[in-house]
Amino acid sequence: MKCDDDTFVRVDVILRHIKLNNGDKPLYMGNLNLLHRPLRTGKCAVTNEEWTEDIYPPYANGPGYLISGDIAKFIVSQHANRSLRLFKMEDVSMGLWVEKFNATKPVQYSHS
């Protein structure tokens, strides 16, 4: 789980959501952005060199997100192999990594 330092975590609510998943599927839970387009102008602009695609993969932004242990282990192993794409926005990076995992085993995306 990742959360901002100014976030109050409702552990009871998180545990309830995890139990609904039954632990049988990889889980990525948070405030999911779907079909989100990069901002190409302004203070937070992302250049075409930084991100060539028209949309980001599904990613959770905001105060925090949760990934299941199997996804976390995958990310650690991929990092050790230096085969993860890094991006300047960590939440988008996590979305990229979960999407890469999703290509091998279906992930349950949970907007919560």
PDB file of N, CA and C in Angstrom:
ATOM      1  N   MET A   1       0.842  -1.174   0.000  1.00  0.00           N
ATOM      2  CA  MET A   1       0.000   0.000   0.000  1.00  0.00           C
ATOM      3  C   MET A   1       0.884   1.231   0.000  1.00  0.00           C
ATOM      4  N   LYS A   2       0.491   2.210  -0.768  1.00  0.00           N
ATOM      5  CA  LYS A   2       1.159   3.506  -0.799  1.00  0.00           C
ATOM      6  C   LYS A   2       0.121   4.544  -0.442  1.00  0.00           C
ATOM      7  N   CYS A   3       0.476   5.464   0.446  1.00  0.00           N
ATOM      8  CA  CYS A   3      -0.434   6.579   0.726  1.00  0.00           C
ATOM      9  C   CYS A   3       0.375   7.818   1.061  1.00  0.00           C
ATOM     10  N   ASP A   4      -0.218   8.961   0.813  1.00  0.00           N
ATOM     11  CA  ASP A   4       0.410  10.226   1.145  1.00  0.00           C
ATOM     12  C   ASP A   4       0.508  10.368   2.657  1.00  0.00           C
ATOM     13  N   ASP A   5       1.486  11.153   3.102  1.00  0.00           N
ATOM     14  CA  ASP A   5       1.701  11.292   4.546  1.00  0.00           C
ATOM     15  C   ASP A   5       0.612  12.096   5.247  1.00  0.00           C
ATOM     16  N   ASP A   6      -0.234  12.760   4.494  1.00  0.00           N
ATOM     17  CA  ASP A   6      -1.325  13.522   5.112  1.00  0.00           C
ATOM     18  C   ASP A   6      -2.678  12.822   4.937  1.00  0.00           C
ATOM     19  N   THR A   7      -2.641  11.509   4.737  1.00  0.00           N
ATOM     20  CA  THR A   7      -3.847  10.722   4.496  1.00  0.00           C
ATOM     21  C   THR A   7      -4.204   9.893   5.722  1.00  0.00           C
ATOM     22  N   PHE A   8      -5.482   9.908   6.080  1.00  0.00           N
ATOM     23  CA  PHE A   8      -5.981   9.026   7.132  1.00  0.00           C
ATOM     24  C   PHE A   8      -6.452   7.743   6.464  1.00  0.00           C
ATOM     25  N   VAL A   9      -5.851   6.639   6.831  1.00  0.00           N
ATOM     26  CA  VAL A   9      -6.151   5.353   6.201  1.00  0.00           C
ATOM     27  C   VAL A   9      -7.250   4.640   6.980  1.00  0.00           C
ATOM     28  N   ARG A  10      -8.342   4.328   6.319  1.00  0.00           N
ATOM     29  CA  ARG A  10      -9.436   3.544   6.913  1.00  0.00           C
ATOM     30  C   ARG A  10      -9.124   2.072   6.687  1.00  0.00           C
ATOM     31  N   VAL A  11      -8.354   1.513   7.602  1.00  0.00           N
ATOM     32  CA  VAL A  11      -7.918   0.127   7.477  1.00  0.00           C
ATOM     33  C   VAL A  11      -9.113  -0.819   7.395  1.00  0.00           C
ATOM     34  N   ASP A  12     -10.167  -0.535   8.160  1.00  0.00           N
ATOM     35  CA  ASP A  12     -11.353  -1.396   8.136  1.00  0.00           C
ATOM     36  C   ASP A  12     -11.972  -1.470   6.745  1.00  0.00           C
ATOM     37  N   VAL A  13     -12.027  -0.345   6.064  1.00  0.00           N
ATOM     38  CA  VAL A  13     -12.603  -0.306   4.711  1.00  0.00           C
ATOM     39  C   VAL A  13     -11.693  -1.050   3.731  1.00  0.00           C
ATOM     40  N   ILE A  14     -10.400  -0.840   3.856  1.00  0.00           N
ATOM     41  CA  ILE A  14      -9.452  -1.521   2.974  1.00  0.00           C
ATOM     42  C   ILE A  14      -9.543  -3.035   3.154  1.00  0.00           C
ATOM     43  N   LEU A  15      -9.580  -3.484   4.402  1.00  0.00           N
ATOM     44  CA  LEU A  15      -9.678  -4.925   4.664  1.00  0.00           C
ATOM     45  C   LEU A  15     -10.963  -5.514   4.099  1.00  0.00           C
ATOM     46  N   ARG A  16     -12.044  -4.765   4.178  1.00  0.00           N
ATOM     47  CA  ARG A  16     -13.314  -5.228   3.614  1.00  0.00           C
ATOM     48  C   ARG A  16     -13.192  -5.430   2.100  1.00  0.00           C
ATOM     49  N   HIS A  17     -12.562  -4.476   1.421  1.00  0.00           N
ATOM     50  CA  HIS A  17     -12.376  -4.593  -0.032  1.00  0.00           C
ATOM     51  C   HIS A  17     -11.476  -5.772  -0.383  1.00  0.00           C
ATOM     52  N   ILE A  18     -10.434  -5.965   0.409  1.00  0.00           N
ATOM     53  CA  ILE A  18      -9.525  -7.086   0.154  1.00  0.00           C
ATOM     54  C   ILE A  18     -10.259  -8.411   0.319  1.00  0.00           C
ATOM     55  N   LYS A  19     -11.089  -8.518   1.344  1.00  0.00           N
ATOM     56  CA  LYS A  19     -11.849  -9.754   1.571  1.00  0.00           C
ATOM     57  C   LYS A  19     -12.812 -10.039   0.422  1.00  0.00           C
ATOM     58  N   LEU A  20     -13.381  -9.003  -0.176  1.00  0.00           N
ATOM     59  CA  LEU A  20     -14.267  -9.198  -1.331  1.00  0.00           C
ATOM     60  C   LEU A  20     -13.523  -9.835  -2.503  1.00  0.00           C
ATOM     61  N   ASN A  21     -12.241  -9.560  -2.599  1.00  0.00           N
ATOM     62  CA  ASN A  21     -11.413 -10.117  -3.667  1.00  0.00           C
ATOM     63  C   ASN A  21     -11.071 -11.585  -3.408  1.00  0.00           C
ATOM     64  N   ASN A  22     -11.177 -12.034  -2.176  1.00  0.00           N
ATOM     65  CA  ASN A  22     -10.868 -13.416  -1.771  1.00  0.00           C
ATOM     66  C   ASN A  22      -9.411 -13.811  -1.989  1.00  0.00           C
ATOM     67  N   GLY A  23      -8.575 -12.871  -2.383  1.00  0.00           N
ATOM     68  CA  GLY A  23      -7.166 -13.180  -2.581  1.00  0.00           C
ATOM     69  C   GLY A  23      -6.877 -14.091  -3.753  1.00  0.00           C
ATOM     70  N   ASP A  24      -7.878 -14.336  -4.592  1.00  0.00           N
ATOM     71  CA  ASP A  24      -7.669 -15.264  -5.702  1.00  0.00           C
ATOM     72  C   ASP A  24      -7.240 -14.582  -6.998  1.00  0.00           C
ATOM     73  N   LYS A  25      -7.261 -13.260  -7.029  1.00  0.00           N
ATOM     74  CA  LYS A  25      -6.825 -12.521  -8.212  1.00  0.00           C
ATOM     75  C   LYS A  25      -5.881 -11.408  -7.784  1.00  0.00           C
ATOM     76  N   PRO A  26      -4.899 -11.104  -8.622  1.00  0.00           N
ATOM     77  CA  PRO A  26      -4.072  -9.936  -8.349  1.00  0.00           C
ATOM     78  C   PRO A  26      -4.966  -8.692  -8.273  1.00  0.00           C
ATOM     79  N   LEU A  27      -4.654  -7.791  -7.356  1.00  0.00           N
ATOM     80  CA  LEU A  27      -5.518  -6.641  -7.093  1.00  0.00           C
ATOM     81  C   LEU A  27      -4.747  -5.332  -7.188  1.00  0.00           C
ATOM     82  N   TYR A  28      -5.353  -4.363  -7.865  1.00  0.00           N
ATOM     83  CA  TYR A  28      -4.850  -2.988  -7.935  1.00  0.00           C
ATOM     84  C   TYR A  28      -6.039  -2.107  -7.589  1.00  0.00           C
ATOM     85  N   MET A  29      -5.974  -1.460  -6.438  1.00  0.00           N
ATOM     86  CA  MET A  29      -7.122  -0.712  -5.926  1.00  0.00           C
ATOM     87  C   MET A  29      -6.726   0.731  -5.619  1.00  0.00           C
ATOM     88  N   GLY A  30      -7.585   1.656  -6.009  1.00  0.00           N
ATOM     89  CA  GLY A  30      -7.372   3.066  -5.718  1.00  0.00           C
ATOM     90  C   GLY A  30      -8.303   3.922  -6.554  1.00  0.00           C
ATOM     91  N   ASN A  31      -8.010   5.208  -6.599  1.00  0.00           N
ATOM     92  CA  ASN A  31      -8.774   6.152  -7.412  1.00  0.00           C
ATOM     93  C   ASN A  31      -8.270   6.029  -8.850  1.00  0.00           C
ATOM     94  N   LEU A  32      -8.856   5.098  -9.589  1.00  0.00           N
ATOM     95  CA  LEU A  32      -8.341   4.760 -10.916  1.00  0.00           C
ATOM     96  C   LEU A  32      -8.723   5.786 -11.973  1.00  0.00           C
ATOM     97  N   ASN A  33      -7.746   6.137 -12.773  1.00  0.00           N
ATOM     98  CA  ASN A  33      -7.950   6.978 -13.951  1.00  0.00           C
ATOM     99  C   ASN A  33      -7.899   6.076 -15.169  1.00  0.00           C
ATOM    100  N   LEU A  34      -8.951   6.100 -15.951  1.00  0.00           N
ATOM    101  CA  LEU A  34      -9.023   5.298 -17.164  1.00  0.00           C
ATOM    102  C   LEU A  34      -9.030   6.220 -18.376  1.00  0.00           C
ATOM    103  N   LEU A  35      -8.270   5.866 -19.380  1.00  0.00           N
ATOM    104  CA  LEU A  35      -8.197   6.646 -20.627  1.00  0.00           C
ATOM    105  C   LEU A  35      -7.792   8.092 -20.379  1.00  0.00           C
ATOM    106  N   HIS A  36      -6.909   8.300 -19.420  1.00  0.00           N
ATOM    107  CA  HIS A  36      -6.435   9.642 -19.077  1.00  0.00           C
ATOM    108  C   HIS A  36      -5.360  10.070 -20.077  1.00  0.00           C
ATOM    109  N   ARG A  37      -5.495  11.286 -20.587  1.00  0.00           N
ATOM    110  CA  ARG A  37      -4.551  11.804 -21.581  1.00  0.00           C
ATOM    111  C   ARG A  37      -3.501  12.689 -20.912  1.00  0.00           C
ATOM    112  N   PRO A  38      -2.260  12.618 -21.390  1.00  0.00           N
ATOM    113  CA  PRO A  38      -1.222  13.489 -20.836  1.00  0.00           C
ATOM    114  C   PRO A  38      -1.508  14.955 -21.164  1.00  0.00           C
ATOM    115  N   LEU A  39      -1.199  15.830 -20.233  1.00  0.00           N
ATOM    116  CA  LEU A  39      -1.280  17.267 -20.481  1.00  0.00           C
ATOM    117  C   LEU A  39      -0.061  17.656 -21.303  1.00  0.00           C
ATOM    118  N   ARG A  40      -0.278  18.273 -22.424  1.00  0.00           N
ATOM    119  CA  ARG A  40       0.828  18.626 -23.319  1.00  0.00           C
ATOM    120  C   ARG A  40       1.268  20.078 -23.178  1.00  0.00           C
ATOM    121  N   THR A  41       0.532  20.880 -22.427  1.00  0.00           N
ATOM    122  CA  THR A  41       0.911  22.277 -22.213  1.00  0.00           C
ATOM    123  C   THR A  41       0.787  22.605 -20.732  1.00  0.00           C
ATOM    124  N   GLY A  42       1.448  23.685 -20.341  1.00  0.00           N
ATOM    125  CA  GLY A  42       1.326  24.157 -18.968  1.00  0.00           C
ATOM    126  C   GLY A  42       2.449  23.678 -18.059  1.00  0.00           C
ATOM    127  N   LYS A  43       2.305  23.998 -16.800  1.00  0.00           N
ATOM    128  CA  LYS A  43       3.322  23.728 -15.783  1.00  0.00           C
ATOM    129  C   LYS A  43       3.648  22.236 -15.650  1.00  0.00           C
ATOM    130  N   CYS A  44       2.653  21.392 -15.752  1.00  0.00           N
ATOM    131  CA  CYS A  44       2.838  19.938 -15.586  1.00  0.00           C
ATOM    132  C   CYS A  44       2.847  19.211 -16.927  1.00  0.00           C
ATOM    133  N   ALA A  45       3.269  19.899 -17.971  1.00  0.00           N
ATOM    134  CA  ALA A  45       3.229  19.321 -19.315  1.00  0.00           C
ATOM    135  C   ALA A  45       4.133  18.103 -19.437  1.00  0.00           C
ATOM    136  N   VAL A  46       3.688  17.167 -20.251  1.00  0.00           N
ATOM    137  CA  VAL A  46       4.453  15.970 -20.593  1.00  0.00           C
ATOM    138  C   VAL A  46       4.726  16.052 -22.091  1.00  0.00           C
ATOM    139  N   THR A  47       5.995  16.066 -22.453  1.00  0.00           N
ATOM    140  CA  THR A  47       6.349  16.193 -23.867  1.00  0.00           C
ATOM    141  C   THR A  47       6.115  14.869 -24.597  1.00  0.00           C
ATOM    142  N   ASN A  48       6.066  14.958 -25.923  1.00  0.00           N
ATOM    143  CA  ASN A  48       5.927  13.748 -26.739  1.00  0.00           C
ATOM    144  C   ASN A  48       7.153  12.848 -26.614  1.00  0.00           C
ATOM    145  N   GLU A  49       8.309  13.438 -26.306  1.00  0.00           N
ATOM    146  CA  GLU A  49       9.508  12.635 -26.092  1.00  0.00           C
ATOM    147  C   GLU A  49       9.398  11.841 -24.791  1.00  0.00           C
ATOM    148  N   GLU A  50       8.775  12.439 -23.781  1.00  0.00           N
ATOM    149  CA  GLU A  50       8.616  11.757 -22.494  1.00  0.00           C
ATOM    150  C   GLU A  50       7.549  10.664 -22.560  1.00  0.00           C
ATOM    151  N   TRP A  51       6.474  10.955 -23.299  1.00  0.00           N
ATOM    152  CA  TRP A  51       5.356  10.004 -23.401  1.00  0.00           C
ATOM    153  C   TRP A  51       4.798  10.082 -24.810  1.00  0.00           C
ATOM    154  N   THR A  52       5.053   9.064 -25.619  1.00  0.00           N
ATOM    155  CA  THR A  52       4.644   9.104 -27.026  1.00  0.00           C
ATOM    156  C   THR A  52       3.194   8.687 -27.245  1.00  0.00           C
ATOM    157  N   GLU A  53       2.636   7.894 -26.328  1.00  0.00           N
ATOM    158  CA  GLU A  53       1.269   7.407 -26.482  1.00  0.00           C
ATOM    159  C   GLU A  53       0.247   8.520 -26.232  1.00  0.00           C
ATOM    160  N   ASP A  54      -0.974   8.319 -26.726  1.00  0.00           N
ATOM    161  CA  ASP A  54      -2.048   9.304 -26.548  1.00  0.00           C
ATOM    162  C   ASP A  54      -2.711   9.229 -25.183  1.00  0.00           C
ATOM    163  N   ILE A  55      -2.678   8.053 -24.560  1.00  0.00           N
ATOM    164  CA  ILE A  55      -3.294   7.890 -23.240  1.00  0.00           C
ATOM    165  C   ILE A  55      -2.343   7.121 -22.322  1.00  0.00           C
ATOM    166  N   TYR A  56      -2.570   7.303 -21.016  1.00  0.00           N
ATOM    167  CA  TYR A  56      -1.835   6.531 -20.017  1.00  0.00           C
ATOM    168  C   TYR A  56      -2.545   5.199 -19.796  1.00  0.00           C
ATOM    169  N   PRO A  57      -1.829   4.217 -19.282  1.00  0.00           N
ATOM    170  CA  PRO A  57      -2.523   2.996 -18.864  1.00  0.00           C
ATOM    171  C   PRO A  57      -3.386   3.318 -17.646  1.00  0.00           C
ATOM    172  N   PRO A  58      -4.313   2.448 -17.274  1.00  0.00           N
ATOM    173  CA  PRO A  58      -5.082   2.705 -16.047  1.00  0.00           C
ATOM    174  C   PRO A  58      -4.113   2.879 -14.870  1.00  0.00           C
ATOM    175  N   TYR A  59      -4.306   3.947 -14.101  1.00  0.00           N
ATOM    176  CA  TYR A  59      -3.446   4.172 -12.939  1.00  0.00           C
ATOM    177  C   TYR A  59      -4.246   4.832 -11.828  1.00  0.00           C
ATOM    178  N   ALA A  60      -3.830   4.559 -10.612  1.00  0.00           N
ATOM    179  CA  ALA A  60      -4.480   5.140  -9.437  1.00  0.00           C
ATOM    180  C   ALA A  60      -3.715   6.389  -9.019  1.00  0.00           C
ATOM    181  N   ASN A  61      -4.441   7.465  -8.830  1.00  0.00           N
ATOM    182  CA  ASN A  61      -3.802   8.693  -8.359  1.00  0.00           C
ATOM    183  C   ASN A  61      -4.456   9.131  -7.059  1.00  0.00           C
ATOM    184  N   GLY A  62      -3.976  10.217  -6.530  1.00  0.00           N
ATOM    185  CA  GLY A  62      -4.590  10.756  -5.327  1.00  0.00           C
ATOM    186  C   GLY A  62      -3.883  10.305  -4.067  1.00  0.00           C
ATOM    187  N   PRO A  63      -4.656  10.123  -3.004  1.00  0.00           N
ATOM    188  CA  PRO A  63      -4.047   9.893  -1.691  1.00  0.00           C
ATOM    189  C   PRO A  63      -3.372   8.541  -1.522  1.00  0.00           C
ATOM    190  N   GLY A  64      -3.676   7.558  -2.360  1.00  0.00           N
ATOM    191  CA  GLY A  64      -3.006   6.276  -2.203  1.00  0.00           C
ATOM    192  C   GLY A  64      -3.600   5.180  -3.048  1.00  0.00           C
ATOM    193  N   TYR A  65      -2.932   4.038  -3.039  1.00  0.00           N
ATOM    194  CA  TYR A  65      -3.408   2.866  -3.758  1.00  0.00           C
ATOM    195  C   TYR A  65      -2.864   1.623  -3.085  1.00  0.00           C
ATOM    196  N   LEU A  66      -3.398   0.483  -3.499  1.00  0.00           N
ATOM    197  CA  LEU A  66      -2.994  -0.800  -2.942  1.00  0.00           C
ATOM    198  C   LEU A  66      -2.737  -1.775  -4.080  1.00  0.00           C
ATOM    199  N   ILE A  67      -1.656  -2.537  -3.965  1.00  0.00           N
ATOM    200  CA  ILE A  67      -1.393  -3.626  -4.904  1.00  0.00           C
ATOM    201  C   ILE A  67      -1.253  -4.913  -4.099  1.00  0.00           C
ATOM    202  N   SER A  68      -1.640  -6.024  -4.700  1.00  0.00           N
ATOM    203  CA  SER A  68      -1.514  -7.313  -4.021  1.00  0.00           C
ATOM    204  C   SER A  68      -0.052  -7.765  -4.027  1.00  0.00           C
ATOM    205  N   GLY A  69       0.241  -8.726  -3.179  1.00  0.00           N
ATOM    206  CA  GLY A  69       1.608  -9.206  -3.012  1.00  0.00           C
ATOM    207  C   GLY A  69       2.227  -9.761  -4.277  1.00  0.00           C
ATOM    208  N   ASP A  70       1.436 -10.444  -5.097  1.00  0.00           N
ATOM    209  CA  ASP A  70       1.986 -11.008  -6.334  1.00  0.00           C
ATOM    210  C   ASP A  70       2.428  -9.918  -7.305  1.00  0.00           C
ATOM    211  N   ILE A  71       1.697  -8.822  -7.342  1.00  0.00           N
ATOM    212  CA  ILE A  71       2.109  -7.694  -8.187  1.00  0.00           C
ATOM    213  C   ILE A  71       3.377  -7.063  -7.619  1.00  0.00           C
ATOM    214  N   ALA A  72       3.430  -6.893  -6.304  1.00  0.00           N
ATOM    215  CA  ALA A  72       4.619  -6.318  -5.662  1.00  0.00           C
ATOM    216  C   ALA A  72       5.858  -7.171  -5.946  1.00  0.00           C
ATOM    217  N   LYS A  73       5.731  -8.489  -5.842  1.00  0.00           N
ATOM    218  CA  LYS A  73       6.862  -9.387  -6.117  1.00  0.00           C
ATOM    219  C   LYS A  73       7.305  -9.271  -7.571  1.00  0.00           C
ATOM    220  N   PHE A  74       6.347  -9.163  -8.473  1.00  0.00           N
ATOM    221  CA  PHE A  74       6.660  -8.988  -9.892  1.00  0.00           C
ATOM    222  C   PHE A  74       7.456  -7.701 -10.108  1.00  0.00           C
ATOM    223  N   ILE A  75       7.019  -6.620  -9.489  1.00  0.00           N
ATOM    224  CA  ILE A  75       7.703  -5.334  -9.646  1.00  0.00           C
ATOM    225  C   ILE A  75       9.124  -5.416  -9.105  1.00  0.00           C
ATOM    226  N   VAL A  76       9.298  -6.042  -7.949  1.00  0.00           N
ATOM    227  CA  VAL A  76      10.641  -6.194  -7.372  1.00  0.00           C
ATOM    228  C   VAL A  76      11.537  -6.994  -8.315  1.00  0.00           C
ATOM    229  N   SER A  77      11.034  -8.101  -8.847  1.00  0.00           N
ATOM    230  CA  SER A  77      11.855  -8.925  -9.746  1.00  0.00           C
ATOM    231  C   SER A  77      12.173  -8.183 -11.041  1.00  0.00           C
ATOM    232  N   GLN A  78      11.206  -7.460 -11.578  1.00  0.00           N
ATOM    233  CA  GLN A  78      11.442  -6.692 -12.804  1.00  0.00           C
ATOM    234  C   GLN A  78      12.427  -5.551 -12.563  1.00  0.00           C
ATOM    235  N   HIS A  79      12.355  -4.947 -11.388  1.00  0.00           N
ATOM    236  CA  HIS A  79      13.307  -3.883 -11.041  1.00  0.00           C
ATOM    237  C   HIS A  79      14.717  -4.462 -10.958  1.00  0.00           C
ATOM    238  N   ALA A  80      14.847  -5.641 -10.348  1.00  0.00           N
ATOM    239  CA  ALA A  80      16.156  -6.288 -10.237  1.00  0.00           C
ATOM    240  C   ALA A  80      16.741  -6.575 -11.617  1.00  0.00           C
ATOM    241  N   ASN A  81      15.888  -6.885 -12.588  1.00  0.00           N
ATOM    242  CA  ASN A  81      16.326  -7.145 -13.968  1.00  0.00           C
ATOM    243  C   ASN A  81      16.490  -5.865 -14.780  1.00  0.00           C
ATOM    244  N   ARG A  82      16.157  -4.736 -14.167  1.00  0.00           N
ATOM    245  CA  ARG A  82      16.193  -3.431 -14.844  1.00  0.00           C
ATOM    246  C   ARG A  82      15.315  -3.421 -16.100  1.00  0.00           C
ATOM    247  N   SER A  83      14.143  -4.033 -15.976  1.00  0.00           N
ATOM    248  CA  SER A  83      13.254  -4.095 -17.140  1.00  0.00           C
ATOM    249  C   SER A  83      11.949  -3.336 -16.923  1.00  0.00           C
ATOM    250  N   LEU A  84      11.958  -2.389 -15.987  1.00  0.00           N
ATOM    251  CA  LEU A  84      10.776  -1.555 -15.764  1.00  0.00           C
ATOM    252  C   LEU A  84      10.965  -0.200 -16.429  1.00  0.00           C
ATOM    253  N   ARG A  85       9.935   0.255 -17.080  1.00  0.00           N
ATOM    254  CA  ARG A  85       9.952   1.606 -17.644  1.00  0.00           C
ATOM    255  C   ARG A  85       9.642   2.584 -16.519  1.00  0.00           C
ATOM    256  N   LEU A  86      10.487   3.577 -16.360  1.00  0.00           N
ATOM    257  CA  LEU A  86      10.278   4.595 -15.339  1.00  0.00           C
ATOM    258  C   LEU A  86       9.729   5.854 -15.985  1.00  0.00           C
ATOM    259  N   PHE A  87       8.841   6.507 -15.276  1.00  0.00           N
ATOM    260  CA  PHE A  87       8.230   7.740 -15.760  1.00  0.00           C
ATOM    261  C   PHE A  87       8.244   8.746 -14.622  1.00  0.00           C
ATOM    262  N   LYS A  88       8.247  10.029 -14.943  1.00  0.00           N
ATOM    263  CA  LYS A  88       8.389  11.053 -13.912  1.00  0.00           C
ATOM    264  C   LYS A  88       7.210  11.136 -12.948  1.00  0.00           C
ATOM    265  N   MET A  89       6.072  10.576 -13.312  1.00  0.00           N
ATOM    266  CA  MET A  89       4.913  10.544 -12.411  1.00  0.00           C
ATOM    267  C   MET A  89       4.814   9.132 -11.847  1.00  0.00           C
ATOM    268  N   GLU A  90       5.090   8.976 -10.536  1.00  0.00           N
ATOM    269  CA  GLU A  90       5.160   7.629  -9.959  1.00  0.00           C
ATOM    270  C   GLU A  90       3.851   6.868 -10.068  1.00  0.00           C
ATOM    271  N   ASP A  91       2.722   7.565  -9.997  1.00  0.00           N
ATOM    272  CA  ASP A  91       1.449   6.848 -10.093  1.00  0.00           C
ATOM    273  C   ASP A  91       1.235   6.279 -11.499  1.00  0.00           C
ATOM    274  N   VAL A  92       1.681   6.993 -12.514  1.00  0.00           N
ATOM    275  CA  VAL A  92       1.606   6.470 -13.881  1.00  0.00           C
ATOM    276  C   VAL A  92       2.592   5.313 -14.044  1.00  0.00           C
ATOM    277  N   SER A  93       3.781   5.444 -13.446  1.00  0.00           N
ATOM    278  CA  SER A  93       4.739   4.334 -13.483  1.00  0.00           C
ATOM    279  C   SER A  93       4.124   3.069 -12.904  1.00  0.00           C
ATOM    280  N   MET A  94       3.457   3.186 -11.765  1.00  0.00           N
ATOM    281  CA  MET A  94       2.824   2.017 -11.157  1.00  0.00           C
ATOM    282  C   MET A  94       1.776   1.433 -12.105  1.00  0.00           C
ATOM    283  N   GLY A  95       1.003   2.301 -12.758  1.00  0.00           N
ATOM    284  CA  GLY A  95       0.028   1.820 -13.734  1.00  0.00           C
ATOM    285  C   GLY A  95       0.686   1.045 -14.869  1.00  0.00           C
ATOM    286  N   LEU A  96       1.840   1.528 -15.328  1.00  0.00           N
ATOM    287  CA  LEU A  96       2.599   0.824 -16.369  1.00  0.00           C
ATOM    288  C   LEU A  96       3.016  -0.561 -15.901  1.00  0.00           C
ATOM    289  N   TRP A  97       3.521  -0.622 -14.676  1.00  0.00           N
ATOM    290  CA  TRP A  97       4.019  -1.893 -14.150  1.00  0.00           C
ATOM    291  C   TRP A  97       2.882  -2.884 -13.930  1.00  0.00           C
ATOM    292  N   VAL A  98       1.750  -2.392 -13.430  1.00  0.00           N
ATOM    293  CA  VAL A  98       0.593  -3.271 -13.240  1.00  0.00           C
ATOM    294  C   VAL A  98       0.094  -3.761 -14.599  1.00  0.00           C
ATOM    295  N   GLU A  99       0.090  -2.879 -15.589  1.00  0.00           N
ATOM    296  CA  GLU A  99      -0.327  -3.280 -16.938  1.00  0.00           C
ATOM    297  C   GLU A  99       0.597  -4.368 -17.493  1.00  0.00           C
ATOM    298  N   LYS A 100       1.893  -4.233 -17.233  1.00  0.00           N
ATOM    299  CA  LYS A 100       2.856  -5.253 -17.676  1.00  0.00           C
ATOM    300  C   LYS A 100       2.567  -6.588 -16.987  1.00  0.00           C
ATOM    301  N   PHE A 101       2.282  -6.552 -15.691  1.00  0.00           N
ATOM    302  CA  PHE A 101       1.903  -7.765 -14.961  1.00  0.00           C
ATOM    303  C   PHE A 101       0.607  -8.333 -15.530  1.00  0.00           C
ATOM    304  N   ASN A 102      -0.345  -7.466 -15.826  1.00  0.00           N
ATOM    305  CA  ASN A 102      -1.660  -7.863 -16.341  1.00  0.00           C
ATOM    306  C   ASN A 102      -1.546  -8.644 -17.650  1.00  0.00           C
ATOM    307  N   ALA A 103      -0.479  -8.424 -18.394  1.00  0.00           N
ATOM    308  CA  ALA A 103      -0.272  -9.160 -19.647  1.00  0.00           C
ATOM    309  C   ALA A 103       0.031 -10.635 -19.385  1.00  0.00           C
ATOM    310  N   THR A 104       0.470 -10.965 -18.161  1.00  0.00           N
ATOM    311  CA  THR A 104       0.798 -12.350 -17.824  1.00  0.00           C
ATOM    312  C   THR A 104      -0.275 -13.017 -16.972  1.00  0.00           C
ATOM    313  N   LYS A 105      -0.988 -12.233 -16.182  1.00  0.00           N
ATOM    314  CA  LYS A 105      -2.026 -12.763 -15.294  1.00  0.00           C
ATOM    315  C   LYS A 105      -3.049 -11.654 -15.067  1.00  0.00           C
ATOM    316  N   PRO A 106      -4.338 -11.920 -15.300  1.00  0.00           N
ATOM    317  CA  PRO A 106      -5.360 -10.871 -15.192  1.00  0.00           C
ATOM    318  C   PRO A 106      -5.414 -10.229 -13.800  1.00  0.00           C
ATOM    319  N   VAL A 107      -5.481  -8.918 -13.806  1.00  0.00           N
ATOM    320  CA  VAL A 107      -5.548  -8.120 -12.579  1.00  0.00           C
ATOM    321  C   VAL A 107      -6.976  -7.636 -12.373  1.00  0.00           C
ATOM    322  N   GLN A 108      -7.422  -7.659 -11.140  1.00  0.00           N
ATOM    323  CA  GLN A 108      -8.706  -7.038 -10.800  1.00  0.00           C
ATOM    324  C   GLN A 108      -8.424  -5.575 -10.474  1.00  0.00           C
ATOM    325  N   TYR A 109      -8.912  -4.681 -11.328  1.00  0.00           N
ATOM    326  CA  TYR A 109      -8.794  -3.245 -11.095  1.00  0.00           C
ATOM    327  C   TYR A 109     -10.013  -2.827 -10.282  1.00  0.00           C
ATOM    328  N   SER A 110      -9.779  -2.167  -9.161  1.00  0.00           N
ATOM    329  CA  SER A 110     -10.876  -1.775  -8.280  1.00  0.00           C
ATOM    330  C   SER A 110     -10.811  -0.277  -8.009  1.00  0.00           C
ATOM    331  N   HIS A 111     -11.787   0.449  -8.551  1.00  0.00           N
ATOM    332  CA  HIS A 111     -11.871   1.893  -8.306  1.00  0.00           C
ATOM    333  C   HIS A 111     -12.524   2.104  -6.947  1.00  0.00           C
ATOM    334  N   SER A 112     -11.739   2.610  -6.019  1.00  0.00           N
ATOM    335  CA  SER A 112     -12.262   2.778  -4.674  1.00  0.00           C
ATOM    336  C   SER A 112     -11.584   3.945  -3.989  1.00  0.00           C
TER     337      SER A 112
END
